[in-house]
């Protein structure tokens, strides 16, 4: 058995309106589902991804307005990396700079150019230049970022495990293979790379690094979910993981997929989620994210739930900043008037 890679990543945010603005108007992802945290109905659950939120593209958030900031660290996933086409990082550096986003220095990792950044809550993100010629993920052509630079789902995640060797054993159980290691230039920590055999979102890096211990809260990852083709495969995973000594939850209905959860020995919450039924279960593709959707078991509580949620302005075009679909190159892409070379 082996997973095909990452299904989704779920993180904690603060202000839901600012979260919506950053991930749609700045990063150019699509809001594919607006629902609630099924375990806390006073909180939104916002999903961003490609046009349909395909497995391997969805970054999701629980926005807790006014909650305390967290601290990414040991025992957590500490960076979520998106794949972008080769040659795109100059565009992204300019775009993020114009949006006053927090951007770190570009670096090379395992031979690929990487641009680290953070969202407005301090959530660590990365853009990784990737050869996407064989990628099944197309850019969302309704977004504000030109197709030739647009995000194409996840590249992978970085885990700061409290027990990296034990985490490696779990990744091995999930079908990931160790493909290399290198020293992190920032602090000399060893970064070990593992890869799954799928066609997208297949990379997991594990850091062999000491303190600080992570603190849950705004700006941190809640859990990382891996793919199972269907419920039968998911239940087989549950049996296999349980036999290996992991405490795995019963299957939970998340409406758009089925889920099982376990906290691996390094302290990170893992999920295995089914590929289907998907986000078009209760909305057509063209209307994804346009309304607050509730599962059938919460339908009778809609009025109460809506009254407890903070306001969220989702314009018809999906871009809170007023920016619309990209129809022309950004200013930074246009040839200089003098036709000369840039610096």
Protein backbone atom coordinates (compact mmCIF):
# COMPACT_ATOMS: atom_id res chain seq x y z
CA UNK A 1 0.00 0.00 0.00
CA UNK A 2 1.09 3.54 -0.67
CA UNK A 3 -0.63 6.89 -0.60
CA UNK A 4 -0.58 9.06 -3.71
CA UNK A 5 0.58 12.05 -1.68
CA UNK A 6 -0.95 14.96 0.19
CA UNK A 7 -4.72 15.44 0.06
CA UNK A 8 -5.00 18.77 1.90
CA UNK A 9 -3.41 20.86 4.63
CA UNK A 10 -5.51 22.53 7.33
CA UNK A 11 -4.25 25.55 9.27
CA UNK A 12 -5.45 28.10 11.83
CA UNK A 13 -6.09 31.72 10.85
CA UNK A 14 -7.26 34.91 12.55
CA UNK A 15 -9.48 37.36 10.66
CA UNK A 16 -11.50 35.39 8.07
CA UNK A 17 -11.88 38.41 5.77
CA UNK A 18 -8.14 39.03 5.61
CA UNK A 19 -7.55 35.32 5.13
CA UNK A 20 -9.96 35.30 2.19
CA UNK A 21 -8.33 38.37 0.65
CA UNK A 22 -4.79 37.04 0.86
CA UNK A 23 -5.41 33.57 -0.55
CA UNK A 24 -7.70 34.66 -3.38
CA UNK A 25 -6.63 38.17 -4.38
CA UNK A 26 -2.91 37.76 -3.66
CA UNK A 27 -2.09 34.09 -4.15
CA UNK A 28 -4.79 33.59 -6.77
CA UNK A 29 -6.37 30.48 -5.28
CA UNK A 30 -10.07 29.84 -5.59
CA UNK A 31 -12.41 29.75 -2.60
CA UNK A 32 -13.96 26.37 -3.38
CA UNK A 33 -15.96 25.81 -0.22
CA UNK A 34 -17.36 27.92 2.59
CA UNK A 35 -18.69 25.82 5.43
CA UNK A 36 -18.16 25.49 9.20
CA UNK A 37 -15.85 23.54 11.42
CA UNK A 38 -18.03 20.51 12.11
CA UNK A 39 -16.53 20.27 15.61
CA UNK A 40 -17.03 24.00 16.35
CA UNK A 41 -20.00 25.39 14.46
CA UNK A 42 -19.20 28.99 15.45
CA UNK A 43 -16.11 28.90 13.21
CA UNK A 44 -15.84 28.91 9.44
CA UNK A 45 -13.99 26.23 7.53
CA UNK A 46 -12.65 27.86 4.36
CA UNK A 47 -11.15 25.80 1.53
CA UNK A 48 -8.88 27.23 -1.19
CA UNK A 49 -7.53 25.34 -4.18
CA UNK A 50 -7.64 24.95 -7.93
CA UNK A 51 -10.90 25.31 -9.86
CA UNK A 52 -12.50 22.30 -8.12
CA UNK A 53 -10.32 21.91 -5.02
CA UNK A 54 -8.84 18.67 -6.34
CA UNK A 55 -6.88 16.50 -3.90
CA UNK A 56 -3.37 17.88 -3.66
CA UNK A 57 -4.45 21.52 -4.08
CA UNK A 58 -6.61 22.41 -1.07
CA UNK A 59 -5.28 24.57 1.75
CA UNK A 60 -8.03 24.95 4.34
CA UNK A 61 -8.44 27.22 7.36
CA UNK A 62 -10.22 27.45 10.67
CA UNK A 63 -10.29 31.25 11.24
CA UNK A 64 -10.58 32.07 14.95
CA UNK A 65 -10.90 35.84 15.09
CA UNK A 66 -9.10 37.26 18.12
CA UNK A 67 -7.40 33.98 19.03
CA UNK A 68 -3.82 34.03 20.29
CA UNK A 69 -0.92 33.61 17.84
CA UNK A 70 0.74 30.25 17.67
CA UNK A 71 4.40 29.47 17.11
CA UNK A 72 5.52 27.05 14.40
CA UNK A 73 8.04 24.64 15.86
CA UNK A 74 8.89 21.15 16.97
CA UNK A 75 5.94 18.78 16.82
CA UNK A 76 4.26 20.58 13.91
CA UNK A 77 4.19 20.96 10.17
CA UNK A 78 6.12 24.22 9.78
CA UNK A 79 5.83 25.10 6.08
CA UNK A 80 3.37 24.45 3.27
CA UNK A 81 4.93 24.62 -0.19
CA UNK A 82 3.07 25.35 -3.43
CA UNK A 83 4.32 24.37 -6.89
CA UNK A 84 4.74 27.17 -9.44
CA UNK A 85 6.10 26.96 -13.01
CA UNK A 86 9.82 27.31 -13.58
CA UNK A 87 10.89 30.91 -14.04
CA UNK A 88 7.99 32.30 -11.97
CA UNK A 89 9.69 33.49 -8.80
CA UNK A 90 10.62 36.95 -10.12
CA UNK A 91 6.95 37.55 -10.85
CA UNK A 92 5.95 36.30 -7.42
CA UNK A 93 8.57 38.35 -5.59
CA UNK A 94 7.20 41.50 -7.26
CA UNK A 95 3.57 40.54 -6.69
CA UNK A 96 4.06 39.70 -3.03
CA UNK A 97 6.11 42.85 -2.50
CA UNK A 98 3.31 44.96 -3.97
CA UNK A 99 0.90 43.25 -1.56
CA UNK A 100 3.15 44.02 1.44
CA UNK A 101 3.47 40.31 2.16
CA UNK A 102 6.32 39.03 4.30
CA UNK A 103 8.88 37.52 1.90
CA UNK A 104 12.21 35.93 2.81
CA UNK A 105 15.32 35.58 0.66
CA UNK A 106 15.14 33.17 -2.25
CA UNK A 107 17.11 29.96 -1.79
CA UNK A 108 17.94 26.72 -3.55
CA UNK A 109 16.85 23.43 -2.02
CA UNK A 110 17.46 20.02 -3.56
CA UNK A 111 18.27 21.81 -6.82
CA UNK A 112 15.02 23.83 -6.99
CA UNK A 113 14.52 27.57 -6.42
CA UNK A 114 12.34 28.32 -3.39
CA UNK A 115 10.72 31.58 -2.26
CA UNK A 116 9.71 31.53 1.44
CA UNK A 117 6.91 33.83 2.57
CA UNK A 118 4.26 34.17 5.24
CA UNK A 119 0.62 35.17 5.16
CA UNK A 120 -0.79 37.98 7.31
CA UNK A 121 -1.03 35.65 10.32
CA UNK A 122 2.59 34.56 9.99
CA UNK A 123 1.67 31.19 8.44
CA UNK A 124 4.89 29.90 6.80
CA UNK A 125 4.47 29.22 3.08
CA UNK A 126 6.83 28.50 0.19
CA UNK A 127 6.69 28.74 -3.58
CA UNK A 128 8.83 26.11 -5.32
CA UNK A 129 9.74 26.31 -9.01
CA UNK A 130 8.79 22.96 -10.49
CA UNK A 131 8.74 21.31 -13.90
CA UNK A 132 4.98 21.05 -14.36
CA UNK A 133 4.95 19.79 -17.95
CA UNK A 134 3.37 16.51 -16.85
CA UNK A 135 1.23 17.91 -14.04
CA UNK A 136 -2.48 17.00 -14.12
CA UNK A 137 -3.28 20.22 -12.21
CA UNK A 138 -4.18 23.17 -14.39
CA UNK A 139 -4.06 26.73 -13.09
CA UNK A 140 -7.40 28.24 -12.17
CA UNK A 141 -8.13 30.31 -15.26
CA UNK A 142 -10.60 32.50 -13.38
CA UNK A 143 -7.96 33.82 -11.01
CA UNK A 144 -6.01 37.08 -10.91
CA UNK A 145 -2.60 35.49 -11.58
CA UNK A 146 -1.54 34.85 -15.20
CA UNK A 147 -1.64 31.17 -16.09
CA UNK A 148 2.09 31.03 -16.81
CA UNK A 149 2.84 31.91 -13.17
CA UNK A 150 -0.18 30.53 -11.30
CA UNK A 151 0.03 28.09 -8.41
CA UNK A 152 -0.51 24.45 -9.43
CA UNK A 153 -1.41 22.85 -6.12
CA UNK A 154 0.98 21.71 -3.44
CA UNK A 155 4.61 20.84 -3.86
CA UNK A 156 4.82 19.42 -0.34
CA UNK A 157 5.17 20.14 3.37
CA UNK A 158 7.98 20.46 5.91
CA UNK A 159 7.63 18.67 9.25
CA UNK A 160 9.56 19.70 12.36
CA UNK A 161 9.18 16.41 14.15
CA UNK A 162 9.92 15.88 17.82
CA UNK A 163 11.00 12.32 16.87
CA UNK A 164 12.18 12.52 13.25
CA UNK A 165 13.24 8.88 12.98
CA UNK A 166 9.85 7.72 14.27
CA UNK A 167 8.10 10.08 11.86
CA UNK A 168 10.21 8.60 9.06
CA UNK A 169 8.95 5.14 10.00
CA UNK A 170 5.35 6.33 9.65
CA UNK A 171 6.09 7.91 6.28
CA UNK A 172 7.65 4.64 5.20
CA UNK A 173 4.47 2.86 6.28
CA UNK A 174 2.49 5.30 4.13
CA UNK A 175 4.64 4.44 1.11
CA UNK A 176 6.99 7.42 1.06
CA UNK A 177 10.61 6.76 0.08
CA UNK A 178 13.66 8.64 1.29
CA UNK A 179 15.13 10.42 -1.73
CA UNK A 180 17.84 12.64 -0.25
CA UNK A 181 19.14 14.82 2.55
CA UNK A 182 20.92 18.15 2.83
CA UNK A 183 21.97 20.63 5.47
CA UNK A 184 19.70 23.60 6.07
CA UNK A 185 21.82 26.74 5.52
CA UNK A 186 19.91 28.72 8.17
CA UNK A 187 20.86 26.65 11.21
CA UNK A 188 22.69 23.55 10.01
CA UNK A 189 19.77 21.21 10.70
CA UNK A 190 19.49 18.13 8.53
CA UNK A 191 16.56 18.17 6.13
CA UNK A 192 15.57 14.72 4.88
CA UNK A 193 13.29 14.46 1.85
CA UNK A 194 10.70 11.76 1.31
CA UNK A 195 8.53 11.36 -1.79
CA UNK A 196 5.39 9.44 -2.69
CA UNK A 197 4.68 7.92 -6.07
CA UNK A 198 1.69 10.11 -7.01
CA UNK A 199 1.43 12.76 -9.71
CA UNK A 200 1.14 15.82 -7.41
CA UNK A 201 1.81 17.01 -3.86
CA UNK A 202 4.23 14.18 -3.18
CA UNK A 203 7.05 15.71 -1.12
CA UNK A 204 7.50 15.62 2.66
CA UNK A 205 10.64 17.10 4.22
CA UNK A 206 11.50 16.14 7.81
CA UNK A 207 13.73 18.45 9.83
CA UNK A 208 16.19 17.04 12.37
CA UNK A 209 16.13 20.18 14.50
CA UNK A 210 15.82 20.95 18.20
CA UNK A 211 13.74 23.61 20.00
CA UNK A 212 11.60 25.62 20.04
CA UNK A 213 8.57 23.51 20.68
CA UNK A 214 5.61 24.51 18.52
CA UNK A 215 2.62 26.22 20.10
CA UNK A 216 -0.81 25.77 18.48
CA UNK A 217 -2.67 28.88 17.48
CA UNK A 218 -3.15 31.41 14.71
CA UNK A 219 -0.49 31.07 12.03
CA UNK A 220 0.19 27.36 12.51
CA UNK A 221 -0.77 24.16 10.71
CA UNK A 222 -3.44 22.06 12.40
CA UNK A 223 -2.95 18.84 10.42
CA UNK A 224 -1.70 17.30 7.18
CA UNK A 225 -3.97 14.94 5.25
CA UNK A 226 -2.82 12.19 2.88
CA UNK A 227 -4.79 10.62 0.05
CA UNK A 228 -6.81 7.43 -0.03
CA UNK A 229 -8.60 6.54 -3.25
CA UNK A 230 -11.84 5.51 -1.55
CA UNK A 231 -13.37 4.33 1.72
CA UNK A 232 -12.25 0.72 1.28
CA UNK A 233 -8.64 1.82 0.92
CA UNK A 234 -9.03 4.18 3.85
CA UNK A 235 -10.28 1.39 6.11
CA UNK A 236 -7.36 -0.76 4.98
CA UNK A 237 -5.05 2.08 6.02
CA UNK A 238 -6.78 2.23 9.38
CA UNK A 239 -6.16 -1.46 9.96
CA UNK A 240 -2.55 -1.25 8.83
CA UNK A 241 -1.77 1.78 10.99
CA UNK A 242 -3.51 0.27 14.01
CA UNK A 243 -1.51 -2.93 13.58
CA UNK A 244 1.64 -0.77 13.58
CA UNK A 245 0.71 0.70 16.97
CA UNK A 246 -0.93 3.96 15.90
CA UNK A 247 -4.13 5.04 17.63
CA UNK A 248 -6.45 5.84 14.73
CA UNK A 249 -9.89 7.42 15.05
CA UNK A 250 -13.00 5.85 13.58
CA UNK A 251 -13.99 7.12 10.17
CA UNK A 252 -15.54 10.61 10.23
CA UNK A 253 -17.88 12.08 7.61
CA UNK A 254 -16.50 15.43 6.45
CA UNK A 255 -19.17 15.74 3.75
CA UNK A 256 -16.70 16.24 0.88
CA UNK A 257 -14.46 13.33 1.93
CA UNK A 258 -14.20 10.74 4.68
CA UNK A 259 -11.43 11.05 7.25
CA UNK A 260 -9.43 9.12 9.81
CA UNK A 261 -6.89 10.77 12.11
CA UNK A 262 -3.85 9.81 14.15
CA UNK A 263 -1.06 11.71 15.88
CA UNK A 264 2.24 10.26 14.74
CA UNK A 265 5.08 9.81 17.29
CA UNK A 266 6.72 13.12 16.34
CA UNK A 267 3.64 15.02 17.56
CA UNK A 268 2.08 15.95 14.21
CA UNK A 269 -1.59 15.26 13.53
CA UNK A 270 -2.03 13.23 10.35
CA UNK A 271 -5.24 12.51 8.49
CA UNK A 272 -6.04 10.11 5.68
CA UNK A 273 -8.83 11.48 3.51
CA UNK A 274 -10.69 9.93 0.60
CA UNK A 275 -10.41 11.56 -2.83
CA UNK A 276 -14.20 11.79 -3.15
CA UNK A 277 -16.96 12.72 -3.27
CA UNK A 278 -15.42 16.19 -3.70
CA UNK A 279 -16.59 19.78 -3.44
CA UNK A 280 -19.11 19.60 -6.29
CA UNK A 281 -21.29 17.40 -4.07
CA UNK A 282 -23.53 20.35 -3.15
CA UNK A 283 -22.51 23.11 -5.60
CA UNK A 284 -21.84 23.19 -9.35
CA UNK A 285 -18.28 24.00 -10.40
CA UNK A 286 -19.16 27.53 -11.49
CA UNK A 287 -20.71 28.35 -8.07
CA UNK A 288 -18.14 26.78 -5.73
CA UNK A 289 -17.60 28.85 -2.58
CA UNK A 290 -20.44 31.26 -3.33
CA UNK A 291 -22.67 30.24 -0.39
CA UNK A 292 -22.32 28.93 3.14
CA UNK A 293 -22.85 25.20 2.84
CA UNK A 294 -23.91 23.01 5.75
CA UNK A 295 -24.10 19.21 5.90
CA UNK A 296 -27.57 17.65 6.15
CA UNK A 297 -27.21 17.03 9.89
CA UNK A 298 -26.77 20.78 10.50
CA UNK A 299 -29.34 22.05 8.01
CA UNK A 300 -32.00 22.69 10.67
CA UNK A 301 -29.56 24.86 12.64
CA UNK A 302 -28.68 27.21 9.77
CA UNK A 303 -30.20 30.36 11.30
CA UNK A 304 -28.44 29.82 14.62
CA UNK A 305 -25.12 28.97 12.95
CA UNK A 306 -25.18 31.94 10.59
CA UNK A 307 -25.96 34.34 13.44
CA UNK A 308 -22.89 33.12 15.38
CA UNK A 309 -20.44 33.48 12.47
CA UNK A 310 -18.57 36.75 11.80
CA UNK A 311 -19.50 38.63 8.60
CA UNK A 312 -17.62 37.50 5.49
CA UNK A 313 -17.86 39.52 2.30
CA UNK A 314 -17.42 37.24 -0.71
CA UNK A 315 -18.04 39.31 -3.88
CA UNK A 316 -19.48 37.58 -6.92
CA UNK A 317 -16.10 37.66 -8.67
CA UNK A 318 -14.43 36.05 -5.65
CA UNK A 319 -11.79 38.79 -5.22
CA UNK A 320 -12.28 40.91 -2.09
CA UNK A 321 -9.69 43.47 -3.22
CA UNK A 322 -11.61 44.24 -6.39
CA UNK A 323 -8.92 42.62 -8.55
CA UNK A 324 -10.35 40.50 -11.35
CA UNK A 325 -9.21 37.73 -13.62
CA UNK A 326 -5.79 38.24 -15.16
CA UNK A 327 -6.19 39.19 -18.80
CA UNK A 328 -2.82 40.82 -19.40
CA UNK A 329 0.70 40.49 -18.04
CA UNK A 330 1.44 42.26 -14.79
CA UNK A 331 3.51 45.43 -15.01
CA UNK A 332 6.59 43.55 -13.81
CA UNK A 333 6.27 41.17 -16.79
CA UNK A 334 5.98 43.79 -19.53
CA UNK A 335 9.09 44.60 -21.56
CA UNK A 336 10.80 47.79 -20.39
CA UNK A 337 10.18 50.80 -22.60
CA UNK A 338 13.83 51.02 -23.58
CA UNK A 339 13.91 47.32 -24.51
CA UNK A 340 16.96 46.87 -22.27
CA UNK A 341 17.81 44.14 -19.84
CA UNK A 342 16.56 44.37 -16.27
CA UNK A 343 18.90 44.19 -13.30
